[in-house]
Each structure stands twice: as C-alpha cells, then as structure tokens.
Amino acid sequence: MKIGLLGFGTVGRGVYELTATRSDMQVVRVLCRRELSLPDAEVTHDFEEILNDPQIDTVVEAIGGLNPAWDYVRRSIDAGKNVITANKALVATYYDDLIPLAQ
C-alpha cells in the first residue's frame, strides 16, 4: 500500500510512525502546511501532487474538520484511490454523499 497522508499533526504523525514499522505499507507523500523534512517521504503543500501521483493508491485523511478535508476525500475517491478517515464530523455531515461515491 502506497499512502498519501493528509496532515501531520498528532494523528498524521501517528499514522506515519505506525507505517514505518510495516513492510506492507509506506507513506510516500505527506501534505503539510508547515515546513517538514522526513527521511522516507516527500512533503508537499500541494494536494494535487498526492492526487496525481499514480503510485499512491490510498489516501489517509488526518486533517480533521470539514474543509478542505471533504474536498480532498471526494476528489481522492473520484480519482480511484482508497480513502481512510477517522473524521467523524466529515462522515456524519457527508454520509449520504460518501456512500454512493464509495460504491
């Protein structure tokens, strides 16, 4: 699994650290607003780089809130990528829109 990670706060960092111990998944790119250097993943400020990267098959949304998280999740699904989120506000608010997208 090649992952595009959206956000590098407490949750995003936890996902990154968890995947570092696994051989079956790798964070390839991290979307982060602040300057950050990671030894094995590219850091970007541009979501399009994650969306358009053909090696990324899974997007993990760890931004929280509704915007821009919803736009990023919707566009990732439309692009054929798997999406993982624990964003309860996003799922509760957009549940009726997410179900047909996921199908």
PDB file of N, CA and C in Angstrom:
ATOM      1  N   MET A   1       0.851  -1.165   0.000  1.00  0.00           N
ATOM      2  CA  MET A   1       0.000   0.000   0.000  1.00  0.00           C
ATOM      3  C   MET A   1       0.900   1.232   0.000  1.00  0.00           C
ATOM      4  N   LYS A   2       0.692   2.101  -0.949  1.00  0.00           N
ATOM      5  CA  LYS A   2       1.421   3.364  -1.046  1.00  0.00           C
ATOM      6  C   LYS A   2       0.466   4.480  -0.629  1.00  0.00           C
ATOM      7  N   ILE A   3       0.849   5.213   0.400  1.00  0.00           N
ATOM      8  CA  ILE A   3      -0.061   6.143   1.073  1.00  0.00           C
ATOM      9  C   ILE A   3       0.308   7.596   0.813  1.00  0.00           C
ATOM     10  N   GLY A   4      -0.715   8.381   0.554  1.00  0.00           N
ATOM     11  CA  GLY A   4      -0.627   9.829   0.592  1.00  0.00           C
ATOM     12  C   GLY A   4      -1.288  10.265   1.883  1.00  0.00           C
ATOM     13  N   LEU A   5      -0.536  10.864   2.765  1.00  0.00           N
ATOM     14  CA  LEU A   5      -1.018  11.232   4.099  1.00  0.00           C
ATOM     15  C   LEU A   5      -1.372  12.708   4.125  1.00  0.00           C
ATOM     16  N   LEU A   6      -2.616  13.005   4.467  1.00  0.00           N
ATOM     17  CA  LEU A   6      -3.082  14.390   4.533  1.00  0.00           C
ATOM     18  C   LEU A   6      -3.044  14.853   5.975  1.00  0.00           C
ATOM     19  N   GLY A   7      -2.068  15.657   6.313  1.00  0.00           N
ATOM     20  CA  GLY A   7      -1.931  16.188   7.657  1.00  0.00           C
ATOM     21  C   GLY A   7      -0.836  15.483   8.435  1.00  0.00           C
ATOM     22  N   PHE A   8      -0.137  16.264   9.262  1.00  0.00           N
ATOM     23  CA  PHE A   8       0.944  15.700  10.063  1.00  0.00           C
ATOM     24  C   PHE A   8       0.907  16.266  11.474  1.00  0.00           C
ATOM     25  N   GLY A   9      -0.305  16.298  12.037  1.00  0.00           N
ATOM     26  CA  GLY A   9      -0.463  16.649  13.440  1.00  0.00           C
ATOM     27  C   GLY A   9      -0.331  15.384  14.268  1.00  0.00           C
ATOM     28  N   THR A  10      -1.022  15.317  15.372  1.00  0.00           N
ATOM     29  CA  THR A  10      -0.939  14.153  16.253  1.00  0.00           C
ATOM     30  C   THR A  10      -1.359  12.866  15.536  1.00  0.00           C
ATOM     31  N   VAL A  11      -2.490  12.888  14.850  1.00  0.00           N
ATOM     32  CA  VAL A  11      -2.982  11.693  14.164  1.00  0.00           C
ATOM     33  C   VAL A  11      -2.101  11.352  12.966  1.00  0.00           C
ATOM     34  N   GLY A  12      -1.792  12.333  12.143  1.00  0.00           N
ATOM     35  CA  GLY A  12      -0.961  12.083  10.967  1.00  0.00           C
ATOM     36  C   GLY A  12       0.409  11.534  11.334  1.00  0.00           C
ATOM     37  N   ARG A  13       1.024  12.109  12.343  1.00  0.00           N
ATOM     38  CA  ARG A  13       2.329  11.618  12.797  1.00  0.00           C
ATOM     39  C   ARG A  13       2.208  10.172  13.300  1.00  0.00           C
ATOM     40  N   GLY A  14       1.117   9.878  14.003  1.00  0.00           N
ATOM     41  CA  GLY A  14       0.894   8.517  14.486  1.00  0.00           C
ATOM     42  C   GLY A  14       0.765   7.517  13.345  1.00  0.00           C
ATOM     43  N   VAL A  15       0.045   7.895  12.300  1.00  0.00           N
ATOM     44  CA  VAL A  15      -0.082   7.028  11.121  1.00  0.00           C
ATOM     45  C   VAL A  15       1.290   6.816  10.487  1.00  0.00           C
ATOM     46  N   TYR A  16       2.031   7.890  10.343  1.00  0.00           N
ATOM     47  CA  TYR A  16       3.370   7.807   9.757  1.00  0.00           C
ATOM     48  C   TYR A  16       4.262   6.862  10.566  1.00  0.00           C
ATOM     49  N   GLU A  17       4.259   7.020  11.862  1.00  0.00           N
ATOM     50  CA  GLU A  17       5.098   6.177  12.722  1.00  0.00           C
ATOM     51  C   GLU A  17       4.645   4.717  12.687  1.00  0.00           C
ATOM     52  N   LEU A  18       3.350   4.484  12.651  1.00  0.00           N
ATOM     53  CA  LEU A  18       2.838   3.119  12.576  1.00  0.00           C
ATOM     54  C   LEU A  18       3.269   2.439  11.276  1.00  0.00           C
ATOM     55  N   THR A  19       3.170   3.146  10.171  1.00  0.00           N
ATOM     56  CA  THR A  19       3.523   2.538   8.888  1.00  0.00           C
ATOM     57  C   THR A  19       5.025   2.310   8.761  1.00  0.00           C
ATOM     58  N   ALA A  20       5.829   3.063   9.488  1.00  0.00           N
ATOM     59  CA  ALA A  20       7.288   2.911   9.417  1.00  0.00           C
ATOM     60  C   ALA A  20       7.743   1.538   9.897  1.00  0.00           C
ATOM     61  N   THR A  21       6.925   0.883  10.701  1.00  0.00           N
ATOM     62  CA  THR A  21       7.292  -0.428  11.244  1.00  0.00           C
ATOM     63  C   THR A  21       6.751  -1.572  10.393  1.00  0.00           C
ATOM     64  N   ARG A  22       6.108  -1.261   9.286  1.00  0.00           N
ATOM     65  CA  ARG A  22       5.462  -2.293   8.463  1.00  0.00           C
ATOM     66  C   ARG A  22       6.117  -2.383   7.098  1.00  0.00           C
ATOM     67  N   SER A  23       6.136  -3.573   6.554  1.00  0.00           N
ATOM     68  CA  SER A  23       6.710  -3.762   5.220  1.00  0.00           C
ATOM     69  C   SER A  23       5.648  -3.732   4.125  1.00  0.00           C
ATOM     70  N   ASP A  24       4.374  -3.780   4.498  1.00  0.00           N
ATOM     71  CA  ASP A  24       3.300  -3.837   3.516  1.00  0.00           C
ATOM     72  C   ASP A  24       2.646  -2.486   3.235  1.00  0.00           C
ATOM     73  N   MET A  25       3.149  -1.431   3.853  1.00  0.00           N
ATOM     74  CA  MET A  25       2.623  -0.088   3.589  1.00  0.00           C
ATOM     75  C   MET A  25       3.719   0.945   3.768  1.00  0.00           C
ATOM     76  N   GLN A  26       3.609   2.020   2.980  1.00  0.00           N
ATOM     77  CA  GLN A  26       4.620   3.078   3.025  1.00  0.00           C
ATOM     78  C   GLN A  26       3.953   4.421   2.753  1.00  0.00           C
ATOM     79  N   VAL A  27       4.266   5.399   3.579  1.00  0.00           N
ATOM     80  CA  VAL A  27       3.828   6.765   3.304  1.00  0.00           C
ATOM     81  C   VAL A  27       4.790   7.334   2.271  1.00  0.00           C
ATOM     82  N   VAL A  28       4.249   7.685   1.111  1.00  0.00           N
ATOM     83  CA  VAL A  28       5.045   8.187   0.000  1.00  0.00           C
ATOM     84  C   VAL A  28       5.122   9.710   0.033  1.00  0.00           C
ATOM     85  N   ARG A  29       3.972  10.339   0.293  1.00  0.00           N
ATOM     86  CA  ARG A  29       3.897  11.805   0.343  1.00  0.00           C
ATOM     87  C   ARG A  29       3.050  12.222   1.532  1.00  0.00           C
ATOM     88  N   VAL A  30       3.411  13.377   2.093  1.00  0.00           N
ATOM     89  CA  VAL A  30       2.689  13.946   3.218  1.00  0.00           C
ATOM     90  C   VAL A  30       2.298  15.378   2.861  1.00  0.00           C
ATOM     91  N   LEU A  31       1.023  15.682   2.966  1.00  0.00           N
ATOM     92  CA  LEU A  31       0.537  17.046   2.784  1.00  0.00           C
ATOM     93  C   LEU A  31       0.614  17.743   4.133  1.00  0.00           C
ATOM     94  N   CYS A  32       1.383  18.811   4.196  1.00  0.00           N
ATOM     95  CA  CYS A  32       1.588  19.511   5.467  1.00  0.00           C
ATOM     96  C   CYS A  32       1.741  20.996   5.182  1.00  0.00           C
ATOM     97  N   ARG A  33       1.138  21.836   5.997  1.00  0.00           N
ATOM     98  CA  ARG A  33       1.229  23.293   5.813  1.00  0.00           C
ATOM     99  C   ARG A  33       2.579  23.843   6.236  1.00  0.00           C
ATOM    100  N   ARG A  34       3.169  23.235   7.253  1.00  0.00           N
ATOM    101  CA  ARG A  34       4.446  23.758   7.758  1.00  0.00           C
ATOM    102  C   ARG A  34       5.617  23.070   7.072  1.00  0.00           C
ATOM    103  N   GLU A  35       6.786  23.641   7.230  1.00  0.00           N
ATOM    104  CA  GLU A  35       7.997  23.039   6.691  1.00  0.00           C
ATOM    105  C   GLU A  35       8.328  21.804   7.507  1.00  0.00           C
ATOM    106  N   LEU A  36       8.660  20.738   6.826  1.00  0.00           N
ATOM    107  CA  LEU A  36       8.891  19.455   7.468  1.00  0.00           C
ATOM    108  C   LEU A  36       9.835  18.657   6.590  1.00  0.00           C
ATOM    109  N   SER A  37      10.729  17.931   7.196  1.00  0.00           N
ATOM    110  CA  SER A  37      11.630  17.060   6.463  1.00  0.00           C
ATOM    111  C   SER A  37      11.496  15.648   7.018  1.00  0.00           C
ATOM    112  N   LEU A  38      11.224  14.708   6.128  1.00  0.00           N
ATOM    113  CA  LEU A  38      11.088  13.312   6.522  1.00  0.00           C
ATOM    114  C   LEU A  38      12.088  12.475   5.731  1.00  0.00           C
ATOM    115  N   PRO A  39      12.658  11.459   6.356  1.00  0.00           N
ATOM    116  CA  PRO A  39      13.698  10.691   5.688  1.00  0.00           C
ATOM    117  C   PRO A  39      13.213   9.816   4.533  1.00  0.00           C
ATOM    118  N   ASP A  40      11.949   9.411   4.552  1.00  0.00           N
ATOM    119  CA  ASP A  40      11.494   8.441   3.564  1.00  0.00           C
ATOM    120  C   ASP A  40      10.169   8.803   2.891  1.00  0.00           C
ATOM    121  N   ALA A  41       9.770  10.061   2.991  1.00  0.00           N
ATOM    122  CA  ALA A  41       8.539  10.514   2.347  1.00  0.00           C
ATOM    123  C   ALA A  41       8.734  11.947   1.877  1.00  0.00           C
ATOM    124  N   GLU A  42       8.119  12.259   0.758  1.00  0.00           N
ATOM    125  CA  GLU A  42       8.175  13.618   0.237  1.00  0.00           C
ATOM    126  C   GLU A  42       7.098  14.453   0.916  1.00  0.00           C
ATOM    127  N   VAL A  43       7.450  15.657   1.315  1.00  0.00           N
ATOM    128  CA  VAL A  43       6.497  16.576   1.937  1.00  0.00           C
ATOM    129  C   VAL A  43       6.067  17.584   0.881  1.00  0.00           C
ATOM    130  N   THR A  44       4.769  17.824   0.806  1.00  0.00           N
ATOM    131  CA  THR A  44       4.236  18.764  -0.168  1.00  0.00           C
ATOM    132  C   THR A  44       3.225  19.691   0.503  1.00  0.00           C
ATOM    133  N   HIS A  45       3.031  20.838  -0.107  1.00  0.00           N
ATOM    134  CA  HIS A  45       1.990  21.776   0.314  1.00  0.00           C
ATOM    135  C   HIS A  45       0.834  21.764  -0.691  1.00  0.00           C
ATOM    136  N   ASP A  46       0.945  20.907  -1.702  1.00  0.00           N
ATOM    137  CA  ASP A  46       0.007  20.895  -2.818  1.00  0.00           C
ATOM    138  C   ASP A  46      -0.704  19.539  -2.903  1.00  0.00           C
ATOM    139  N   PHE A  47      -1.982  19.503  -2.603  1.00  0.00           N
ATOM    140  CA  PHE A  47      -2.760  18.270  -2.650  1.00  0.00           C
ATOM    141  C   PHE A  47      -2.724  17.624  -4.028  1.00  0.00           C
ATOM    142  N   GLU A  48      -2.643  18.420  -5.074  1.00  0.00           N
ATOM    143  CA  GLU A  48      -2.628  17.883  -6.442  1.00  0.00           C
ATOM    144  C   GLU A  48      -1.481  16.894  -6.640  1.00  0.00           C
ATOM    145  N   GLU A  49      -0.367  17.088  -5.943  1.00  0.00           N
ATOM    146  CA  GLU A  49       0.764  16.171  -6.078  1.00  0.00           C
ATOM    147  C   GLU A  49       0.406  14.786  -5.548  1.00  0.00           C
ATOM    148  N   ILE A  50      -0.406  14.728  -4.520  1.00  0.00           N
ATOM    149  CA  ILE A  50      -0.867  13.437  -3.994  1.00  0.00           C
ATOM    150  C   ILE A  50      -1.926  12.859  -4.920  1.00  0.00           C
ATOM    151  N   LEU A  51      -2.876  13.677  -5.315  1.00  0.00           N
ATOM    152  CA  LEU A  51      -3.972  13.228  -6.159  1.00  0.00           C
ATOM    153  C   LEU A  51      -3.466  12.669  -7.489  1.00  0.00           C
ATOM    154  N   ASN A  52      -2.461  13.300  -8.058  1.00  0.00           N
ATOM    155  CA  ASN A  52      -1.977  12.917  -9.384  1.00  0.00           C
ATOM    156  C   ASN A  52      -0.806  11.948  -9.371  1.00  0.00           C
ATOM    157  N   ASP A  53      -0.414  11.479  -8.212  1.00  0.00           N
ATOM    158  CA  ASP A  53       0.697  10.531  -8.122  1.00  0.00           C
ATOM    159  C   ASP A  53       0.158   9.120  -8.361  1.00  0.00           C
ATOM    160  N   PRO A  54       0.516   8.486  -9.480  1.00  0.00           N
ATOM    161  CA  PRO A  54      -0.049   7.175  -9.796  1.00  0.00           C
ATOM    162  C   PRO A  54       0.384   6.061  -8.848  1.00  0.00           C
ATOM    163  N   GLN A  55       1.501   6.234  -8.148  1.00  0.00           N
ATOM    164  CA  GLN A  55       1.914   5.176  -7.222  1.00  0.00           C
ATOM    165  C   GLN A  55       1.105   5.179  -5.928  1.00  0.00           C
ATOM    166  N   ILE A  56       0.478   6.306  -5.595  1.00  0.00           N
ATOM    167  CA  ILE A  56      -0.337   6.386  -4.377  1.00  0.00           C
ATOM    168  C   ILE A  56      -1.690   5.749  -4.647  1.00  0.00           C
ATOM    169  N   ASP A  57      -1.988   4.669  -3.916  1.00  0.00           N
ATOM    170  CA  ASP A  57      -3.275   4.002  -4.080  1.00  0.00           C
ATOM    171  C   ASP A  57      -4.222   4.263  -2.916  1.00  0.00           C
ATOM    172  N   THR A  58      -3.698   4.823  -1.829  1.00  0.00           N
ATOM    173  CA  THR A  58      -4.509   5.055  -0.632  1.00  0.00           C
ATOM    174  C   THR A  58      -4.218   6.437  -0.063  1.00  0.00           C
ATOM    175  N   VAL A  59      -5.266   7.165   0.254  1.00  0.00           N
ATOM    176  CA  VAL A  59      -5.142   8.474   0.890  1.00  0.00           C
ATOM    177  C   VAL A  59      -5.665   8.345   2.313  1.00  0.00           C
ATOM    178  N   VAL A  60      -4.856   8.767   3.277  1.00  0.00           N
ATOM    179  CA  VAL A  60      -5.266   8.782   4.677  1.00  0.00           C
ATOM    180  C   VAL A  60      -5.503  10.236   5.060  1.00  0.00           C
ATOM    181  N   GLU A  61      -6.761  10.570   5.365  1.00  0.00           N
ATOM    182  CA  GLU A  61      -7.128  11.937   5.732  1.00  0.00           C
ATOM    183  C   GLU A  61      -6.985  12.094   7.236  1.00  0.00           C
ATOM    184  N   ALA A  62      -6.050  12.936   7.641  1.00  0.00           N
ATOM    185  CA  ALA A  62      -5.814  13.202   9.064  1.00  0.00           C
ATOM    186  C   ALA A  62      -5.809  14.699   9.333  1.00  0.00           C
ATOM    187  N   ILE A  63      -6.573  15.431   8.526  1.00  0.00           N
ATOM    188  CA  ILE A  63      -6.652  16.886   8.676  1.00  0.00           C
ATOM    189  C   ILE A  63      -7.675  17.252   9.744  1.00  0.00           C
ATOM    190  N   GLY A  64      -8.814  16.554   9.707  1.00  0.00           N
ATOM    191  CA  GLY A  64      -9.909  16.883  10.608  1.00  0.00           C
ATOM    192  C   GLY A  64     -10.759  18.013  10.042  1.00  0.00           C
ATOM    193  N   GLY A  65     -11.880  18.247  10.668  1.00  0.00           N
ATOM    194  CA  GLY A  65     -12.784  19.307  10.207  1.00  0.00           C
ATOM    195  C   GLY A  65     -13.449  18.935   8.891  1.00  0.00           C
ATOM    196  N   LEU A  66     -14.149  19.908   8.324  1.00  0.00           N
ATOM    197  CA  LEU A  66     -14.873  19.657   7.080  1.00  0.00           C
ATOM    198  C   LEU A  66     -14.157  20.175   5.838  1.00  0.00           C
ATOM    199  N   ASN A  67     -13.508  21.299   5.962  1.00  0.00           N
ATOM    200  CA  ASN A  67     -12.863  21.902   4.797  1.00  0.00           C
ATOM    201  C   ASN A  67     -11.407  22.174   5.085  1.00  0.00           C
ATOM    202  N   PRO A  68     -10.526  21.758   4.255  1.00  0.00           N
ATOM    203  CA  PRO A  68     -10.707  21.166   2.930  1.00  0.00           C
ATOM    204  C   PRO A  68     -10.821  19.641   2.928  1.00  0.00           C
ATOM    205  N   ALA A  69     -10.976  19.012   4.077  1.00  0.00           N
ATOM    206  CA  ALA A  69     -10.981  17.546   4.162  1.00  0.00           C
ATOM    207  C   ALA A  69     -12.006  16.919   3.214  1.00  0.00           C
ATOM    208  N   TRP A  70     -13.225  17.445   3.190  1.00  0.00           N
ATOM    209  CA  TRP A  70     -14.260  16.864   2.329  1.00  0.00           C
ATOM    210  C   TRP A  70     -13.856  16.934   0.867  1.00  0.00           C
ATOM    211  N   ASP A  71     -13.368  18.059   0.425  1.00  0.00           N
ATOM    212  CA  ASP A  71     -12.949  18.203  -0.968  1.00  0.00           C
ATOM    213  C   ASP A  71     -11.855  17.191  -1.300  1.00  0.00           C
ATOM    214  N   TYR A  72     -10.886  17.035  -0.427  1.00  0.00           N
ATOM    215  CA  TYR A  72      -9.778  16.101  -0.667  1.00  0.00           C
ATOM    216  C   TYR A  72     -10.266  14.652  -0.681  1.00  0.00           C
ATOM    217  N   VAL A  73     -11.149  14.293   0.226  1.00  0.00           N
ATOM    218  CA  VAL A  73     -11.680  12.933   0.272  1.00  0.00           C
ATOM    219  C   VAL A  73     -12.489  12.644  -0.984  1.00  0.00           C
ATOM    220  N   ARG A  74     -13.381  13.544  -1.335  1.00  0.00           N
ATOM    221  CA  ARG A  74     -14.227  13.357  -2.519  1.00  0.00           C
ATOM    222  C   ARG A  74     -13.378  13.210  -3.779  1.00  0.00           C
ATOM    223  N   ARG A  75     -12.429  14.076  -3.962  1.00  0.00           N
ATOM    224  CA  ARG A  75     -11.578  14.042  -5.152  1.00  0.00           C
ATOM    225  C   ARG A  75     -10.700  12.792  -5.176  1.00  0.00           C
ATOM    226  N   SER A  76     -10.270  12.335  -4.022  1.00  0.00           N
ATOM    227  CA  SER A  76      -9.463  11.106  -3.966  1.00  0.00           C
ATOM    228  C   SER A  76     -10.288   9.898  -4.395  1.00  0.00           C
ATOM    229  N   ILE A  77     -11.518   9.806  -3.898  1.00  0.00           N
ATOM    230  CA  ILE A  77     -12.395   8.703  -4.298  1.00  0.00           C
ATOM    231  C   ILE A  77     -12.681   8.776  -5.791  1.00  0.00           C
ATOM    232  N   ASP A  78     -12.990   9.975  -6.288  1.00  0.00           N
ATOM    233  CA  ASP A  78     -13.245  10.147  -7.723  1.00  0.00           C
ATOM    234  C   ASP A  78     -12.047   9.725  -8.565  1.00  0.00           C
ATOM    235  N   ALA A  79     -10.842   9.878  -8.016  1.00  0.00           N
ATOM    236  CA  ALA A  79      -9.623   9.508  -8.741  1.00  0.00           C
ATOM    237  C   ALA A  79      -9.319   8.015  -8.627  1.00  0.00           C
ATOM    238  N   GLY A  80     -10.168   7.270  -7.914  1.00  0.00           N
ATOM    239  CA  GLY A  80      -9.992   5.829  -7.809  1.00  0.00           C
ATOM    240  C   GLY A  80      -9.076   5.379  -6.687  1.00  0.00           C
ATOM    241  N   LYS A  81      -8.786   6.282  -5.768  1.00  0.00           N
ATOM    242  CA  LYS A  81      -7.924   5.931  -4.642  1.00  0.00           C
ATOM    243  C   LYS A  81      -8.772   5.453  -3.460  1.00  0.00           C
ATOM    244  N   ASN A  82      -8.211   4.541  -2.679  1.00  0.00           N
ATOM    245  CA  ASN A  82      -8.839   4.156  -1.424  1.00  0.00           C
ATOM    246  C   ASN A  82      -8.690   5.320  -0.450  1.00  0.00           C
ATOM    247  N   VAL A  83      -9.663   5.513   0.411  1.00  0.00           N
ATOM    248  CA  VAL A  83      -9.600   6.600   1.385  1.00  0.00           C
ATOM    249  C   VAL A  83      -9.862   6.046   2.778  1.00  0.00           C
ATOM    250  N   ILE A  84      -9.032   6.467   3.710  1.00  0.00           N
ATOM    251  CA  ILE A  84      -9.194   6.121   5.118  1.00  0.00           C
ATOM    252  C   ILE A  84      -9.326   7.431   5.897  1.00  0.00           C
ATOM    253  N   THR A  85     -10.343   7.496   6.747  1.00  0.00           N
ATOM    254  CA  THR A  85     -10.514   8.665   7.600  1.00  0.00           C
ATOM    255  C   THR A  85     -11.153   8.245   8.916  1.00  0.00           C
ATOM    256  N   ALA A  86     -10.803   8.949   9.958  1.00  0.00           N
ATOM    257  CA  ALA A  86     -11.472   8.784  11.246  1.00  0.00           C
ATOM    258  C   ALA A  86     -12.189  10.082  11.600  1.00  0.00           C
ATOM    259  N   ASN A  87     -12.419  10.901  10.595  1.00  0.00           N
ATOM    260  CA  ASN A  87     -13.010  12.219  10.755  1.00  0.00           C
ATOM    261  C   ASN A  87     -14.528  12.083  10.930  1.00  0.00           C
ATOM    262  N   LYS A  88     -14.961  12.045  12.169  1.00  0.00           N
ATOM    263  CA  LYS A  88     -16.385  11.830  12.469  1.00  0.00           C
ATOM    264  C   LYS A  88     -17.258  12.959  11.931  1.00  0.00           C
ATOM    265  N   ALA A  89     -16.777  14.186  12.003  1.00  0.00           N
ATOM    266  CA  ALA A  89     -17.566  15.315  11.500  1.00  0.00           C
ATOM    267  C   ALA A  89     -17.790  15.183   9.998  1.00  0.00           C
ATOM    268  N   LEU A  90     -16.766  14.790   9.279  1.00  0.00           N
ATOM    269  CA  LEU A  90     -16.872  14.629   7.831  1.00  0.00           C
ATOM    270  C   LEU A  90     -17.845  13.506   7.487  1.00  0.00           C
ATOM    271  N   VAL A  91     -17.701  12.360   8.140  1.00  0.00           N
ATOM    272  CA  VAL A  91     -18.567  11.212   7.851  1.00  0.00           C
ATOM    273  C   VAL A  91     -20.015  11.537   8.215  1.00  0.00           C
ATOM    274  N   ALA A  92     -20.256  12.156   9.358  1.00  0.00           N
ATOM    275  CA  ALA A  92     -21.617  12.486   9.774  1.00  0.00           C
ATOM    276  C   ALA A  92     -22.262  13.505   8.840  1.00  0.00           C
ATOM    277  N   THR A  93     -21.503  14.495   8.444  1.00  0.00           N
ATOM    278  CA  THR A  93     -22.043  15.558   7.595  1.00  0.00           C
ATOM    279  C   THR A  93     -22.273  15.094   6.157  1.00  0.00           C
ATOM    280  N   TYR A  94     -21.365  14.307   5.622  1.00  0.00           N
ATOM    281  CA  TYR A  94     -21.407  13.939   4.204  1.00  0.00           C
ATOM    282  C   TYR A  94     -21.726  12.460   3.969  1.00  0.00           C
ATOM    283  N   TYR A  95     -22.276  11.795   4.961  1.00  0.00           N
ATOM    284  CA  TYR A  95     -22.564  10.366   4.855  1.00  0.00           C
ATOM    285  C   TYR A  95     -23.353  10.034   3.585  1.00  0.00           C
ATOM    286  N   ASP A  96     -24.436  10.756   3.334  1.00  0.00           N
ATOM    287  CA  ASP A  96     -25.285  10.467   2.175  1.00  0.00           C
ATOM    288  C   ASP A  96     -24.545  10.684   0.858  1.00  0.00           C
ATOM    289  N   ASP A  97     -23.544  11.530   0.851  1.00  0.00           N
ATOM    290  CA  ASP A  97     -22.737  11.749  -0.358  1.00  0.00           C
ATOM    291  C   ASP A  97     -21.615  10.712  -0.474  1.00  0.00           C
ATOM    292  N   LEU A  98     -21.089  10.283   0.671  1.00  0.00           N
ATOM    293  CA  LEU A  98     -19.983   9.326   0.669  1.00  0.00           C
ATOM    294  C   LEU A  98     -20.392   7.936   0.203  1.00  0.00           C
ATOM    295  N   ILE A  99     -21.540   7.480   0.598  1.00  0.00           N
ATOM    296  CA  ILE A  99     -21.956   6.107   0.275  1.00  0.00           C
ATOM    297  C   ILE A  99     -21.974   5.857  -1.228  1.00  0.00           C
ATOM    298  N   PRO A 100     -22.634   6.695  -2.031  1.00  0.00           N
ATOM    299  CA  PRO A 100     -22.607   6.424  -3.476  1.00  0.00           C
ATOM    300  C   PRO A 100     -21.199   6.564  -4.072  1.00  0.00           C
ATOM    301  N   LEU A 101     -20.399   7.476  -3.542  1.00  0.00           N
ATOM    302  CA  LEU A 101     -19.024   7.608  -4.036  1.00  0.00           C
ATOM    303  C   LEU A 101     -18.233   6.343  -3.772  1.00  0.00           C
ATOM    304  N   ALA A 102     -18.377   5.796  -2.584  1.00  0.00           N
ATOM    305  CA  ALA A 102     -17.627   4.601  -2.195  1.00  0.00           C
ATOM    306  C   ALA A 102     -18.074   3.376  -3.008  1.00  0.00           C
ATOM    307  N   GLN A 103     -19.330   3.323  -3.386  1.00  0.00           N
ATOM    308  CA  GLN A 103     -19.811   2.172  -4.149  1.00  0.00           C
ATOM    309  C   GLN A 103     -19.269   2.224  -5.555  1.00  0.00           C
TER     310      GLN A 103
END
